[in-house]
Amino acid sequence: MRESVAPIFRVADAERAVSWYAKLGFRKVSEHRFEPGLPAYVMIARNDLFLCWSGSIRIELEGDREVGLWAGDMFVVPAGVEHRPVADDVAHALLLERPQTQQYGN
């Protein structure tokens, strides 16, 4: 069984926090205030994100497009775009994805 975790952080400036998380591929989904003057409750979500640690990988995207990544490079897959990471040699990468993402690797 896969679980989903939704951490909650208290920040002094919600808009500034949303802007910072946008650099990591997150987007603001909703904002709510229980009463005027109370802090905002902001929900963010993210698309798949790849960070290449060593070697090189390429992300094949639908429509015959691809993105090459080398050590230190990061790529955020646009929402709704089918993709497949490929490494022709030994490579290490960090992948952040939504829990509902289905894997079809070989």
Protein backbone atom coordinates (compact mmCIF):
# COMPACT_ATOMS: atom_id res chain seq x y z
CA MET A 1 0.00 0.00 0.00
CA ARG A 2 1.39 3.40 -0.98
CA GLU A 3 0.88 6.29 1.39
CA SER A 4 0.82 9.99 0.74
CA VAL A 5 2.31 12.48 3.17
CA ALA A 6 1.23 16.13 3.29
CA PRO A 7 3.50 18.11 5.61
CA ILE A 8 2.19 21.37 7.07
CA PHE A 9 4.62 24.24 7.66
CA ARG A 10 4.01 27.54 9.40
CA VAL A 11 5.67 30.39 7.51
CA ALA A 12 5.68 34.14 8.08
CA ASP A 13 4.99 35.02 4.43
CA ALA A 14 2.88 32.52 2.46
CA GLU A 15 3.37 34.23 -0.92
CA ARG A 16 7.14 34.28 -0.47
CA ALA A 17 7.09 30.58 0.48
CA VAL A 18 4.98 29.74 -2.60
CA SER A 19 7.47 31.65 -4.77
CA TRP A 20 10.39 29.71 -3.26
CA TYR A 21 8.68 26.33 -3.74
CA ALA A 22 7.87 27.28 -7.36
CA LYS A 23 11.62 27.05 -8.05
CA LEU A 24 11.37 23.36 -7.14
CA GLY A 25 8.44 22.72 -9.45
CA PHE A 26 5.59 23.30 -7.00
CA ARG A 27 2.51 25.37 -7.86
CA LYS A 28 -0.16 26.93 -5.67
CA VAL A 29 -3.34 24.85 -5.79
CA SER A 30 -5.52 26.74 -3.32
CA GLU A 31 -5.53 29.32 -0.55
CA HIS A 32 -7.98 29.67 2.31
CA ARG A 33 -8.33 31.91 5.38
CA PHE A 34 -10.66 30.74 8.11
CA GLU A 35 -11.35 34.36 9.07
CA PRO A 36 -10.10 37.73 7.85
CA GLY A 37 -6.80 38.53 9.52
CA LEU A 38 -5.92 34.89 10.24
CA PRO A 39 -2.96 33.25 8.47
CA ALA A 40 -3.51 31.75 5.03
CA TYR A 41 -3.71 28.00 4.57
CA VAL A 42 -2.02 27.41 1.20
CA MET A 43 -1.92 24.07 -0.63
CA ILE A 44 0.89 23.42 -3.10
CA ALA A 45 1.50 20.52 -5.50
CA ARG A 46 4.38 19.46 -7.72
CA ASN A 47 5.03 17.85 -11.05
CA ASP A 48 7.70 15.16 -11.41
CA LEU A 49 11.21 16.47 -10.77
CA PHE A 50 14.53 14.87 -11.77
CA LEU A 51 17.91 15.82 -10.26
CA CYS A 52 20.98 14.17 -11.80
CA TRP A 53 23.60 13.37 -9.13
CA SER A 54 26.24 11.73 -11.34
CA GLY A 55 26.68 10.56 -14.90
CA SER A 56 24.05 11.64 -17.37
CA ILE A 57 20.42 10.80 -18.12
CA ARG A 58 17.93 11.94 -20.68
CA ILE A 59 14.23 12.46 -20.16
CA GLU A 60 12.26 11.37 -23.21
CA LEU A 61 9.07 13.42 -23.48
CA GLU A 62 5.97 12.71 -25.54
CA GLY A 63 6.11 14.24 -29.01
CA ASP A 64 9.67 13.03 -29.72
CA ARG A 65 11.28 15.61 -27.44
CA GLU A 66 14.03 14.91 -24.94
CA VAL A 67 16.01 16.77 -22.28
CA GLY A 68 19.61 15.85 -21.41
CA LEU A 69 20.76 16.09 -17.79
CA TRP A 70 24.31 15.94 -16.45
CA ALA A 71 25.55 15.91 -12.84
CA GLY A 72 23.98 18.87 -11.02
CA ASP A 73 21.22 19.47 -13.59
CA MET A 74 17.56 19.52 -12.60
CA PHE A 75 14.43 19.26 -14.75
CA VAL A 76 10.74 19.62 -13.84
CA VAL A 77 8.44 17.71 -16.17
CA PRO A 78 5.51 19.88 -17.32
CA ALA A 79 2.16 18.80 -15.86
CA GLY A 80 0.43 16.05 -17.83
CA VAL A 81 3.40 15.29 -20.11
CA GLU A 82 4.26 11.60 -20.45
CA HIS A 83 7.97 10.98 -19.94
CA ARG A 84 10.61 8.29 -19.50
CA PRO A 85 14.06 8.64 -17.92
CA VAL A 86 16.86 6.80 -19.76
CA ALA A 87 20.51 6.24 -18.80
CA ASP A 88 22.90 4.74 -21.37
CA ASP A 89 25.56 4.19 -18.69
CA VAL A 90 25.74 4.21 -14.88
CA ALA A 91 24.05 7.32 -13.51
CA HIS A 92 22.49 8.37 -10.22
CA ALA A 93 19.46 10.62 -10.02
CA LEU A 94 16.85 11.74 -7.53
CA LEU A 95 13.24 11.56 -8.71
CA LEU A 96 10.43 13.32 -6.87
CA GLU A 97 7.01 12.29 -8.11
CA ARG A 98 3.40 12.20 -7.04
CA PRO A 99 2.34 9.01 -5.22
CA GLN A 100 -0.19 8.21 -7.97
CA THR A 101 2.48 8.14 -10.72
CA GLN A 102 2.53 4.66 -12.25
CA GLN A 103 5.87 3.08 -13.14
CA TYR A 104 6.44 1.19 -16.40
CA GLY A 105 10.24 0.73 -16.25
CA ASN A 106 12.33 -2.04 -17.73
